[in-house]
Amino acid sequence: MLWSSLLLFSLFFFSYGHLVDKYQEDISSTQTRLQQNLGGGAAAGTLHLSSVASDDYTVLRHSRFPNHRIRVRKTAFCDQTVNVYTGYLDVDAGAKHLFFYFFESRRDPDKDDVMMWINGGPGCSSAMGLLMELGPCSIDMTKSSPNGTVWNPHSWNQEANIFFLDQPVGVGFSYADYGETIETTEDAAKNVQAFISIFFETFSQFTGRRLHLAGESYGGRYLPVFASEIHDQNQIAVSEGRPVLNLKSVLIGNGITDISTLYLGRYEVECGRASLDVPFQSISACVRMKMSLPRCQERLYKGCIDRFDAIDCRAAVDFCDNELSTSMWSTGRNVYDISKPCEGNLCYKENDAIAQYLDLPEIRKLLGVEIPGNFSACSDVVGGNFNSHLDKWGVHTQDYVANLLDRGVRILIYAGTYDWQCNWIANKLWVDKLSWSQSAVYQQESWREWMVNGRVAGEVKQTDLLTFVTIREAGHMVPHDKPAEAWAMVSRWLTGAMM
């Protein structure tokens, strides 16, 4: 038995060492090819993105991230009016691979800001945001276009360079060689910070460029942590005389950030008039929910918020979900847009169409996809791993937001009024009670209507650092439901204009 174990260990060690050697060999050979194409000897921070070829991956390495590398290639995917790039962030000596798409700005790619978009879940691919919401092209649901997508005139790359990142590993086209996983937001943040740092410091045109992190849903948990990791690493960079990432803002759409207000908001959407003029839920269900709310809140505070205990918190979440969420699921309505029925994967037929499109051999070849399995909009495995750690419940994510605000990072919270899952009432409640240095200034501001093309788009409460925006009659995925309004909001945000 002992001899067998030693033999297996020796074989594993040899195989692993061979793989690492092969990984380093691949890096060296590809980097040599890149330097030869550039005239030789190009150092990190002196390349231009235009030097990246389409026939093979260009490999980017950084001395501060010895266990990370970026492979990037040019592609003709989606938007023919701009340069488009796809690739992988390889993590842990090449054991994990995070897939990304990058679209240059349609206006001025050498001067416009950079934005990174991340979908939620946890475990959902940013291809949903790309092909269903705010990307340069949208999935063709009418099957009338020759290439499967249609032009999006309201794409957020109208005035910004934008990344779409599939993270953590196991999401979308991201994968692990040996089954490795990322199971907490704080661990995921390290890879995101490394990815952006390598990219910005390698391609000289991004030095000092304004950076914005954007996303929705579980992005309300992800993004404050990711932004905080970037800020904290910036402070280390300053002390060591190195370049920093010019983080300017965080944009969160229909996010889950402070769990203390979640169920209160859901009750108001179902049984009140927060979203519809006439509540859609049955009276009997609303009475039951109303009676359960105090007990739900008490358990949440005792088990998850005031003092976190995994067993007590799990029991609290199970009670709240059973008493305050099951009635909604039984209605057959779309939990992300209560004005519609639930149809298709995750209540949207578009998700089925996106999966079929991204599984086409010619599209996977165009993107440079390496995984053998089929595309999945959301990974149950990733979601289950995060849930096993009570990742959403165990940390006060709103405290990350408060600390970012106190350090001058602008925060935009926006929400469609038809969403139930991460509804606007829950978001309004936690933003209203957020404790930070200028909370009194925010409290003194008044709500007002904001306009797009002469029509009321929603309501807004805005200060120099913190802004809350509602988008009327939009669901969980605001850019999908109200593309013109969503783009107007983002355009004004990037320029610092009032909504």
Foldseek 3Di string as FASTA:
>chain_A
DVVVVVVVVVVVVVVVVVLLVVLVVVLVVLQQVLQVLVVHDDDFQRAAPVSAAAPFWRKFDDPVQNFWIWTKHWFCPDDNQWTKMKTWIAGRSRFWTKIKIKTAANPDRLAFAEEEEEEPLVFFFLVCCQAQFAHQWHADPPPPDPQRIHGDPLHLSNGYIYMGIQDDAPHFLIHGNPPDDDAALLVRLVSVLVVVVRVQRRHNSNQVGEYEYEYEAQCLQNVLNNVVVLVVVQVVCVVVVHGGHNYAAYEYELYQAAVLLQLVLLLCQQPNPQAHNHHDFDPVLSVQSVVCVVVLNVQLCVDFNVDHDPVSNVVSVVSSCVNRPPSVVVVQAQLQFRVHGQDPDSSDVSQVSSQVSCQPPVNCVSNVRDDPDGGHRGDPVNSVSNVVVVNSRHDNRLVSVQVCVQVNHAYEYEYECRHNRSHPRSVVVCLLPRDHDCSVVQVPFDKDFDDDPRDTQFIWRDDQRYIYTYGYSAGRRRSSVPVRVVSVVVVCVSVSHDD
